[in-house]
Amino acid sequence: MTVSKKLCGAAGAMAASLFAAAPAWAGPIKAPTVEQMAGMVDKGDVAWMLISAALVLMMSIPGLALFYGGLVRSKNMLSVLMQVFMIVSVAGLVWVSWGYSLAFTSTNTPFPAIVGGLDKIFLANVSSSTFAATFSNNIYLPELVFVVFQMTFAMITPALIVGAFAERVKFSALIVFVVVWLTLIYFPMAHMVWYWAGPDFLADAPTDAGLLWGWGALDFAGGTVVHINAGIAGLVGCLIIGKRVGYPKEPMPPHSLVMTMIGASLLWVGWFGFNAGSNLESNAVTGVAFINTMVATCAAAVSWALVEQFHHGKPSLLGAVTGAVAGLVAITPAAGLGAPMTSIVLGFVVSPICYLFVASIKGKLGYDDSLDVFGVHCIGGIVGAIATGIVASPALGGQGVFDYTVFPAGFDAASYSISTQVVTQIKAVLFTLVFSGVGSAIIFFVIDKTIGLRPSVDAEQEGLDLSSHGERAYNY
């Protein structure tokens, strides 16, 4: 029997905390039946996961929508809000129609390590009586809870891409792109990184896992699946679509940094559902992911402000919130794997690297990444994904990697090798860049040559609010 779960190399960390909430029976049950799983559901886990799903939704709408909307010119504010809002809506429908099945099944597919099958298309065989595994032996979630939590990740990831070519994309073409990109890029990536048999079944099905999971790549909450995946797609999109009319000669400042700050703050709050929710349980590792997310973000915001102080003599609000997002991105793959102090170091390190790409390299190379999706999400995701191999080390206070083929799952701290894990992380990063980069380029190219990606010059100069939607964000 196969069950769905997200990869967290840390597993459940401290065994005592994991089994404390488990139902009382004589020892763990290997490969439990559905009836036994029903007795292995904890109401606290269910409540936390539903709250986490709502928090991740808040990251997209209103968080990301306001963050991006404030950064564009006023004539395009409404268009960005509409793009993010509709991407969330379309992605939700695609997810329950075929996305969940492609991401989190492994039967009846010719390439089980790459993508799932269609056993659960339109949520067939999924009900209130089916269950999904967590990272602990004999602890389960109602499958629909897992479905809706993962749905929110599928909603926000394509919405992130929009910022790279904001103010110059046709709405209809964007929606077509989202449906195709989710199907061909996101769902396979989610499957390759996060699908596996589950702790109670892995000993009997050691090869029932996605490709990158099988490599041993660590991605607690989406460094590869979400941020690098979306970031490289954004770069490819902005290159194929081309620069905004007037860029870089005309000034194009953000029209409302107040909106951007509100959006960034909502992102930060919602990110606790994103990262701490990815533990799939409410236990000690959830607390690890929560505090790591908090302190890494604090450090990255301070770090970006310090860089601007040294470089320009003045720290900016835009820089502070951008640094916070960079910190959130970087800690995502390591959230439940590192320790608070190493997370702070990661936050301090990521901001100067992202700042270099945003403030220098982008200008030198001349690409028009409108809202720095590549510079923050892709580069920040790369830094975080590689650093995960370091901060996860038990020698540095990290959680390590559990062996799920023993029952119950266990871990030998002495077996962890930073160099070996970092090499694995680099492989995962390079694979994601190539898979998403090349795949996204093909999708963008085909759409551009068929229905066209870009509005007319007149429509772009008028602003997409009016030309695409017949409305204004502000009527005064």
Protein backbone atom coordinates (compact mmCIF):
# COMPACT_ATOMS: atom_id res chain seq x y z
CA MET A 1 0.00 0.00 0.00
CA THR A 2 1.35 3.43 -0.95
CA VAL A 3 0.73 6.59 1.03
CA SER A 4 1.62 10.21 0.27
CA LYS A 5 3.98 12.48 2.21
CA LYS A 6 6.28 15.43 1.90
CA LEU A 7 10.00 14.91 2.25
CA CYS A 8 11.61 16.11 5.42
CA GLY A 9 15.00 14.58 5.95
CA ALA A 10 14.68 15.38 9.64
CA ALA A 11 11.75 13.02 9.90
CA GLY A 12 10.24 13.35 13.25
CA ALA A 13 13.47 14.17 15.12
CA MET A 14 13.15 13.36 18.78
CA ALA A 15 11.45 9.98 19.12
CA ALA A 16 10.01 10.70 22.53
CA SER A 17 8.13 13.76 21.32
CA LEU A 18 6.89 11.91 18.26
CA PHE A 19 5.42 8.92 20.03
CA ALA A 20 4.13 10.83 23.05
CA ALA A 21 0.97 11.76 21.17
CA ALA A 22 0.52 8.37 19.51
CA PRO A 23 -2.37 6.10 20.48
CA ALA A 24 -1.52 3.46 23.04
CA TRP A 25 -0.82 0.04 21.55
CA ALA A 26 1.81 -2.63 21.99
CA GLY A 27 4.58 -1.28 19.80
CA PRO A 28 4.55 0.21 16.30
CA ILE A 29 2.45 -1.40 13.58
CA LYS A 30 4.23 -2.03 10.32
CA ALA A 31 2.20 -1.35 7.16
CA PRO A 32 -1.05 -0.60 9.02
CA THR A 33 -4.42 -1.14 7.40
CA VAL A 34 -6.73 1.78 6.62
CA GLU A 35 -8.80 0.84 9.65
CA GLN A 36 -5.70 0.98 11.84
CA MET A 37 -4.67 4.32 10.29
CA ALA A 38 -8.01 5.76 11.36
CA GLY A 39 -6.95 5.25 14.95
CA MET A 40 -3.58 6.90 14.31
CA VAL A 41 -4.93 10.38 13.59
CA ASP A 42 -4.28 13.12 16.15
CA LYS A 43 -6.77 16.00 16.33
CA GLY A 44 -3.99 18.42 17.17
CA ASP A 45 -2.11 17.51 13.99
CA VAL A 46 -5.27 17.92 11.93
CA ALA A 47 -6.03 21.33 13.45
CA TRP A 48 -2.47 22.56 12.89
CA MET A 49 -2.41 21.40 9.27
CA LEU A 50 -5.72 23.09 8.42
CA ILE A 51 -4.48 26.30 10.02
CA SER A 52 -1.22 25.97 8.08
CA ALA A 53 -3.12 25.58 4.81
CA ALA A 54 -5.02 28.78 5.53
CA LEU A 55 -1.76 30.56 6.39
CA VAL A 56 -0.17 29.51 3.10
CA LEU A 57 -3.25 30.73 1.22
CA MET A 58 -2.80 34.08 2.99
CA MET A 59 0.72 34.19 1.58
CA SER A 60 -0.70 34.26 -1.95
CA ILE A 61 -3.82 36.31 -1.37
CA PRO A 62 -3.52 38.88 -0.03
CA GLY A 63 0.23 38.66 0.81
CA LEU A 64 2.00 38.11 -2.50
CA ALA A 65 -0.64 40.09 -4.42
CA LEU A 66 -0.08 43.20 -2.28
CA PHE A 67 3.70 42.71 -2.17
CA TYR A 68 3.92 42.57 -5.96
CA GLY A 69 1.15 45.10 -6.54
CA GLY A 70 2.88 47.80 -4.53
CA LEU A 71 6.08 47.32 -6.51
CA VAL A 72 4.59 48.05 -9.94
CA ARG A 73 3.37 51.36 -11.38
CA SER A 74 -0.14 52.40 -10.39
CA LYS A 75 -1.49 51.72 -13.90
CA ASN A 76 -0.65 48.03 -13.44
CA MET A 77 -1.60 47.52 -9.79
CA LEU A 78 -4.99 45.97 -10.44
CA SER A 79 -3.60 43.69 -13.16
CA VAL A 80 -1.09 42.15 -10.73
CA LEU A 81 -3.81 41.62 -8.13
CA MET A 82 -5.99 39.95 -10.77
CA GLN A 83 -3.14 37.77 -12.03
CA VAL A 84 -2.26 36.44 -8.58
CA PHE A 85 -5.91 36.00 -7.56
CA MET A 86 -6.81 34.05 -10.68
CA ILE A 87 -3.65 31.94 -10.63
CA VAL A 88 -4.60 30.83 -7.13
CA SER A 89 -8.11 30.01 -8.29
CA VAL A 90 -7.07 28.13 -11.44
CA ALA A 91 -4.27 26.25 -9.66
CA GLY A 92 -6.71 25.01 -7.01
CA LEU A 93 -8.97 23.52 -9.66
CA VAL A 94 -6.08 21.97 -11.57
CA TRP A 95 -4.69 20.49 -8.35
CA VAL A 96 -7.82 18.58 -7.41
CA SER A 97 -8.49 17.59 -11.03
CA TRP A 98 -5.16 15.94 -11.86
CA GLY A 99 -2.33 17.68 -9.99
CA TYR A 100 -2.57 15.79 -6.71
CA SER A 101 -2.60 12.47 -8.54
CA LEU A 102 0.45 13.36 -10.65
CA ALA A 103 2.37 14.58 -7.61
CA PHE A 104 1.51 12.02 -4.96
CA THR A 105 0.85 8.62 -6.53
CA SER A 106 3.30 6.15 -8.06
CA THR A 107 1.21 3.39 -9.60
CA ASN A 108 0.13 3.06 -13.22
CA THR A 109 2.77 5.49 -14.44
CA PRO A 110 5.59 4.60 -16.86
CA PHE A 111 8.01 6.84 -14.95
CA PRO A 112 7.26 6.39 -11.23
CA ALA A 113 10.41 8.25 -10.16
CA ILE A 114 9.51 11.26 -12.32
CA VAL A 115 5.74 11.72 -12.10
CA GLY A 116 2.71 10.00 -10.61
CA GLY A 117 -0.18 8.36 -12.37
CA LEU A 118 -3.87 9.16 -12.65
CA ASP A 119 -5.21 6.83 -9.96
CA LYS A 120 -6.52 9.81 -8.00
CA ILE A 121 -7.62 12.03 -10.89
CA PHE A 122 -10.53 14.24 -9.81
CA LEU A 123 -9.76 12.94 -6.30
CA ALA A 124 -10.91 9.44 -7.14
CA ASN A 125 -10.22 7.08 -4.24
CA VAL A 126 -9.73 10.05 -1.91
CA SER A 127 -12.31 10.62 0.81
CA SER A 128 -12.77 11.30 4.50
CA SER A 129 -11.95 7.62 5.03
CA THR A 130 -8.49 7.67 3.41
CA PHE A 131 -5.24 8.78 5.03
CA ALA A 132 -1.81 10.24 4.28
CA ALA A 133 1.35 9.53 6.22
CA THR A 134 3.32 11.98 8.32
CA PHE A 135 6.99 11.73 9.22
CA SER A 136 6.40 9.48 12.22
CA ASN A 137 5.63 5.80 12.34
CA ASN A 138 1.94 5.22 13.01
CA ILE A 139 0.87 8.88 12.80
CA TYR A 140 -1.51 9.80 9.95
CA LEU A 141 -3.55 12.70 8.59
CA PRO A 142 -6.93 12.53 6.85
CA GLU A 143 -5.91 12.54 3.20
CA LEU A 144 -8.13 15.51 2.33
CA VAL A 145 -6.21 17.58 4.89
CA PHE A 146 -2.97 16.67 3.14
CA VAL A 147 -4.55 17.43 -0.25
CA VAL A 148 -5.63 20.93 0.71
CA PHE A 149 -2.31 21.75 2.39
CA GLN A 150 -0.37 20.71 -0.70
CA MET A 151 -2.86 22.58 -2.86
CA THR A 152 -1.75 25.89 -1.36
CA PHE A 153 1.83 25.22 -2.46
CA ALA A 154 0.64 24.59 -6.01
CA MET A 155 -1.26 27.88 -5.82
CA ILE A 156 1.58 30.14 -4.73
CA THR A 157 4.43 28.70 -6.82
CA PRO A 158 3.19 29.81 -10.28
CA ALA A 159 2.03 33.11 -8.75
CA LEU A 160 5.64 33.84 -7.78
CA ILE A 161 6.67 33.68 -11.45
CA VAL A 162 4.44 36.64 -12.36
CA GLY A 163 6.77 39.16 -10.74
CA ALA A 164 9.55 38.50 -13.25
CA PHE A 165 7.56 39.89 -16.18
CA ALA A 166 5.03 42.06 -14.39
CA GLU A 167 3.47 44.92 -16.39
CA ARG A 168 3.94 43.23 -19.78
CA VAL A 169 2.13 39.91 -20.12
CA LYS A 170 -1.24 39.05 -21.66
CA PHE A 171 -3.66 37.76 -19.07
CA SER A 172 -5.04 34.94 -21.24
CA ALA A 173 -1.56 33.74 -22.17
CA LEU A 174 -0.52 33.80 -18.52
CA ILE A 175 -3.40 31.57 -17.45
CA VAL A 176 -2.64 29.09 -20.25
CA PHE A 177 1.00 29.09 -19.16
CA VAL A 178 0.05 28.39 -15.56
CA VAL A 179 -2.06 25.34 -16.42
CA VAL A 180 0.63 23.87 -18.68
CA TRP A 181 3.53 24.76 -16.35
CA LEU A 182 1.84 23.22 -13.33
CA THR A 183 1.17 20.04 -15.28
CA LEU A 184 4.57 19.61 -16.93
CA ILE A 185 6.93 21.23 -14.42
CA TYR A 186 5.50 21.72 -10.92
CA PHE A 187 3.71 18.41 -10.43
CA PRO A 188 6.70 16.32 -11.57
CA MET A 189 9.05 18.39 -9.37
CA ALA A 190 6.78 17.94 -6.36
CA HIS A 191 6.67 14.21 -7.06
CA MET A 192 10.43 13.86 -7.50
CA VAL A 193 11.27 15.71 -4.29
CA TRP A 194 8.37 14.97 -1.92
CA TYR A 195 6.80 11.66 -2.88
CA TRP A 196 7.78 8.49 -1.00
CA ALA A 197 6.12 5.40 0.45
CA GLY A 198 5.86 6.65 4.02
CA PRO A 199 7.72 5.51 7.16
CA ASP A 200 5.54 2.48 7.86
CA PHE A 201 5.88 1.18 4.29
CA LEU A 202 9.36 2.18 3.15
CA ALA A 203 11.12 -0.92 4.51
CA ASP A 204 9.02 -3.05 2.14
CA ALA A 205 9.11 -0.51 -0.71
CA PRO A 206 12.57 1.12 -0.61
CA THR A 207 12.39 2.27 -4.24
CA ASP A 208 8.87 3.70 -4.07
CA ALA A 209 9.96 7.33 -4.07
CA GLY A 210 10.56 10.31 -6.32
CA LEU A 211 13.90 10.70 -8.10
CA LEU A 212 15.41 13.42 -5.90
CA TRP A 213 14.02 11.84 -2.74
CA GLY A 214 15.84 8.68 -3.78
CA TRP A 215 19.04 10.68 -4.14
CA GLY A 216 18.67 11.77 -0.53
CA ALA A 217 18.11 15.44 -1.38
CA LEU A 218 16.74 17.46 1.54
CA ASP A 219 14.00 20.00 0.94
CA PHE A 220 11.90 20.56 4.03
CA ALA A 221 9.38 23.02 2.58
CA GLY A 222 10.18 23.88 -1.03
CA GLY A 223 13.61 25.33 -1.82
CA THR A 224 13.79 23.36 -5.06
CA VAL A 225 10.11 22.65 -5.69
CA VAL A 226 8.90 26.20 -5.09
CA HIS A 227 11.61 28.86 -5.12
CA ILE A 228 14.30 27.67 -7.51
CA ASN A 229 11.59 26.17 -9.72
CA ALA A 230 9.62 29.42 -9.93
CA GLY A 231 12.69 31.66 -9.95
CA ILE A 232 14.35 30.12 -12.98
CA ALA A 233 11.01 29.98 -14.80
CA GLY A 234 10.62 33.70 -14.11
CA LEU A 235 14.04 34.48 -15.55
CA VAL A 236 13.31 32.47 -18.69
CA GLY A 237 9.95 34.21 -19.02
CA CYS A 238 11.31 37.72 -18.72
CA LEU A 239 13.99 36.96 -21.31
CA ILE A 240 11.50 35.52 -23.83
CA ILE A 241 8.88 38.22 -23.28
CA GLY A 242 11.46 40.99 -23.40
CA LYS A 243 11.94 44.23 -21.51
CA ARG A 244 9.20 46.64 -20.53
CA VAL A 245 8.65 49.53 -22.93
CA GLY A 246 11.02 52.25 -21.78
CA TYR A 247 13.21 50.00 -19.60
CA PRO A 248 15.79 50.94 -18.35
CA LYS A 249 15.74 54.55 -19.54
CA GLU A 250 12.42 55.56 -17.99
CA PRO A 251 12.02 55.59 -14.20
CA MET A 252 9.70 52.84 -13.01
CA PRO A 253 9.56 53.21 -9.22
CA PRO A 254 7.17 51.24 -7.00
CA HIS A 255 3.88 53.10 -6.68
CA SER A 256 3.16 52.07 -3.07
CA LEU A 257 5.82 50.79 -0.72
CA VAL A 258 3.14 50.85 1.98
CA MET A 259 1.28 48.11 0.09
CA THR A 260 4.54 46.25 -0.42
CA MET A 261 5.35 46.36 3.28
CA ILE A 262 1.87 45.09 4.17
CA GLY A 263 2.23 42.30 1.63
CA ALA A 264 5.69 41.33 2.88
CA SER A 265 4.43 41.24 6.46
CA LEU A 266 1.56 38.95 5.47
CA LEU A 267 4.05 36.75 3.67
CA TRP A 268 6.17 36.51 6.80
CA VAL A 269 3.22 35.55 8.99
CA GLY A 270 1.87 33.08 6.45
CA TRP A 271 5.29 31.52 5.97
CA PHE A 272 4.99 29.80 9.35
CA GLY A 273 2.26 27.68 7.79
CA PHE A 274 4.50 27.14 4.78
CA ASN A 275 7.57 26.01 6.75
CA ALA A 276 6.34 24.75 10.12
CA GLY A 277 3.29 23.19 8.45
CA SER A 278 5.59 21.17 6.21
CA ASN A 279 6.43 18.96 9.17
CA LEU A 280 2.88 17.58 8.74
CA GLU A 281 2.56 17.23 12.51
CA SER A 282 2.38 19.39 15.61
CA ASN A 283 5.44 18.28 17.54
CA ALA A 284 8.99 19.29 18.49
CA VAL A 285 10.22 19.57 14.90
CA THR A 286 7.33 21.90 14.12
CA GLY A 287 8.74 24.16 16.81
CA VAL A 288 12.21 23.86 15.27
CA ALA A 289 10.89 24.92 11.87
CA PHE A 290 8.91 27.75 13.43
CA ILE A 291 11.76 29.38 15.34
CA ASN A 292 14.24 28.87 12.50
CA THR A 293 11.86 30.64 10.14
CA MET A 294 11.54 33.52 12.56
CA VAL A 295 15.21 34.15 13.29
CA ALA A 296 16.53 33.58 9.77
CA THR A 297 14.09 36.19 8.49
CA CYS A 298 15.07 38.67 11.18
CA ALA A 299 18.73 38.20 10.32
CA ALA A 300 18.20 38.58 6.58
CA ALA A 301 16.20 41.82 7.00
CA VAL A 302 18.92 43.28 9.22
CA SER A 303 21.64 42.06 6.86
CA TRP A 304 20.06 43.69 3.79
CA ALA A 305 19.62 46.97 5.67
CA LEU A 306 23.29 46.88 6.70
CA VAL A 307 24.41 46.22 3.13
CA GLU A 308 22.41 49.22 1.92
CA GLN A 309 23.77 51.36 4.74
CA PHE A 310 27.32 50.56 3.70
CA HIS A 311 26.62 50.81 -0.04
CA HIS A 312 24.26 53.79 -0.25
CA GLY A 313 24.49 55.39 3.18
CA LYS A 314 20.78 54.81 3.78
CA PRO A 315 18.81 51.64 4.56
CA SER A 316 15.51 51.49 2.65
CA LEU A 317 12.16 49.97 3.50
CA LEU A 318 12.17 48.24 0.12
CA GLY A 319 15.52 46.70 0.99
CA ALA A 320 14.40 45.60 4.44
CA VAL A 321 11.30 43.78 3.17
CA THR A 322 13.23 42.30 0.24
CA GLY A 323 15.82 41.00 2.69
CA ALA A 324 13.09 39.48 4.84
CA VAL A 325 11.70 37.62 1.82
CA ALA A 326 15.21 36.45 0.89
CA GLY A 327 15.59 35.08 4.41
CA LEU A 328 12.25 33.32 4.23
CA VAL A 329 13.24 31.77 0.91
CA ALA A 330 16.65 30.62 2.15
CA ILE A 331 15.36 29.00 5.33
CA THR A 332 12.54 27.18 3.55
CA PRO A 333 14.51 24.04 2.57
CA ALA A 334 16.32 23.98 5.93
CA ALA A 335 13.54 25.04 8.30
CA GLY A 336 13.05 21.79 10.17
CA LEU A 337 16.61 20.59 9.66
CA GLY A 338 18.82 23.34 11.08
CA ALA A 339 19.15 25.02 14.46
CA PRO A 340 18.32 28.61 15.48
CA MET A 341 21.92 29.86 15.52
CA THR A 342 22.85 28.33 12.17
CA SER A 343 19.59 29.70 10.75
CA ILE A 344 20.64 33.19 11.82
CA VAL A 345 23.94 32.73 9.99
CA LEU A 346 22.05 31.58 6.90
CA GLY A 347 19.86 34.69 7.08
CA PHE A 348 22.87 37.00 7.35
CA VAL A 349 24.61 35.28 4.44
CA VAL A 350 21.77 35.16 1.93
CA SER A 351 20.96 38.89 1.79
CA PRO A 352 24.34 40.14 0.46
CA ILE A 353 24.29 37.42 -2.22
CA CYS A 354 20.76 38.29 -3.35
CA TYR A 355 21.59 42.00 -3.14
CA LEU A 356 24.50 41.45 -5.52
CA PHE A 357 22.19 39.93 -8.12
CA VAL A 358 19.44 42.51 -7.65
CA ALA A 359 21.58 45.64 -7.50
CA SER A 360 24.50 44.74 -9.75
CA ILE A 361 24.37 41.60 -11.86
CA LYS A 362 20.85 42.27 -13.21
CA GLY A 363 21.93 45.67 -14.51
CA LYS A 364 25.17 44.36 -16.00
CA LEU A 365 23.44 41.52 -17.83
CA GLY A 366 20.53 43.74 -18.86
CA TYR A 367 17.58 41.43 -18.21
CA ASP A 368 14.33 43.02 -17.00
CA ASP A 369 13.27 40.91 -14.02
CA SER A 370 10.62 43.42 -12.93
CA LEU A 371 10.28 42.42 -9.29
CA ASP A 372 13.51 40.42 -8.84
CA VAL A 373 11.99 36.96 -8.79
CA PHE A 374 15.23 35.42 -10.02
CA GLY A 375 17.49 37.49 -7.78
CA VAL A 376 15.53 36.74 -4.61
CA HIS A 377 13.67 33.45 -5.08
CA CYS A 378 16.00 31.51 -7.36
CA ILE A 379 19.29 32.76 -5.90
CA GLY A 380 17.96 32.71 -2.34
CA GLY A 381 16.59 29.23 -2.94
CA ILE A 382 19.95 28.02 -4.26
CA VAL A 383 21.78 29.43 -1.24
CA GLY A 384 19.28 27.82 1.13
CA ALA A 385 19.17 24.47 -0.65
CA ILE A 386 22.96 24.07 -0.62
CA ALA A 387 23.28 25.39 2.92
CA THR A 388 20.72 22.83 4.08
CA GLY A 389 23.39 20.18 3.68
CA ILE A 390 25.50 22.09 6.21
CA VAL A 391 22.96 23.24 8.79
CA ALA A 392 21.30 19.82 8.98
CA SER A 393 24.48 18.35 10.44
CA PRO A 394 24.03 17.12 14.03
CA ALA A 395 27.54 18.41 14.73
CA LEU A 396 26.14 21.93 14.21
CA GLY A 397 22.94 21.31 16.15
CA GLY A 398 20.99 20.15 13.11
CA GLN A 399 18.32 17.46 13.08
CA GLY A 400 20.13 15.05 10.79
CA VAL A 401 18.47 12.52 8.46
CA PHE A 402 16.40 9.60 9.67
CA ASP A 403 16.58 6.10 8.24
CA TYR A 404 13.00 5.09 7.47
CA THR A 405 13.91 1.57 6.40
CA VAL A 406 14.29 0.57 10.04
CA PHE A 407 11.22 0.31 12.23
CA PRO A 408 10.70 2.53 14.06
CA ALA A 409 12.75 5.12 12.16
CA GLY A 410 16.13 5.90 13.68
CA PHE A 411 19.27 7.92 13.08
CA ASP A 412 22.98 7.55 13.67
CA ALA A 413 24.45 11.03 14.08
CA ALA A 414 27.95 9.80 13.30
CA SER A 415 26.84 8.73 9.83
CA TYR A 416 26.07 12.28 8.66
CA SER A 417 28.57 13.72 6.19
CA ILE A 418 28.32 17.43 5.38
CA SER A 419 30.38 17.09 2.20
CA THR A 420 28.33 14.17 0.91
CA GLN A 421 25.04 15.91 1.65
CA VAL A 422 26.18 19.21 0.10
CA VAL A 423 27.12 17.38 -3.11
CA THR A 424 23.65 15.82 -3.14
CA GLN A 425 22.08 19.25 -2.58
CA ILE A 426 24.07 20.74 -5.47
CA LYS A 427 22.91 17.90 -7.72
CA ALA A 428 19.31 18.64 -6.76
CA VAL A 429 19.79 22.36 -7.45
CA LEU A 430 21.35 21.77 -10.87
CA PHE A 431 18.63 19.28 -11.80
CA THR A 432 15.91 21.77 -10.84
CA LEU A 433 17.55 24.59 -12.81
CA VAL A 434 17.81 22.46 -15.95
CA PHE A 435 14.45 20.72 -15.65
CA SER A 436 12.48 23.88 -14.92
CA GLY A 437 14.60 26.21 -17.03
CA VAL A 438 14.46 24.17 -20.21
CA GLY A 439 10.88 23.03 -19.69
CA SER A 440 9.66 26.55 -18.94
CA ALA A 441 11.49 27.93 -21.99
CA ILE A 442 9.72 25.45 -24.25
CA ILE A 443 6.32 26.30 -22.75
CA PHE A 444 6.89 30.06 -23.04
CA PHE A 445 8.15 29.68 -26.62
CA VAL A 446 5.18 27.63 -27.80
CA ILE A 447 2.65 29.98 -26.21
CA ASP A 448 4.43 33.02 -27.64
CA LYS A 449 4.37 31.56 -31.14
CA THR A 450 0.71 30.56 -30.94
CA ILE A 451 -1.46 32.95 -28.93
CA GLY A 452 1.29 35.43 -28.05
CA LEU A 453 2.65 36.33 -24.61
CA ARG A 454 2.76 40.09 -24.81
CA PRO A 455 0.11 42.80 -25.20
CA SER A 456 0.51 45.51 -27.80
CA VAL A 457 2.78 48.47 -27.14
CA ASP A 458 -0.24 50.76 -26.85
CA ALA A 459 -1.89 48.42 -24.34
CA GLU A 460 1.29 48.24 -22.29
CA GLN A 461 1.74 52.00 -22.26
CA GLU A 462 -1.89 52.55 -21.30
CA GLY A 463 -1.44 50.10 -18.45
CA LEU A 464 -2.76 46.58 -18.07
CA ASP A 465 -5.40 47.66 -15.56
CA LEU A 466 -7.44 49.31 -18.30
CA SER A 467 -6.26 47.44 -21.41
CA SER A 468 -6.65 43.94 -19.92
CA HIS A 469 -9.41 44.36 -17.34
CA GLY A 470 -11.23 47.64 -18.02
CA GLU A 471 -10.73 48.84 -14.47
CA ARG A 472 -8.42 51.07 -12.48
CA ALA A 473 -6.89 50.26 -9.13
CA TYR A 474 -7.49 53.85 -8.09
CA ASN A 475 -10.32 56.11 -9.30
CA TYR A 476 -9.06 59.45 -8.12
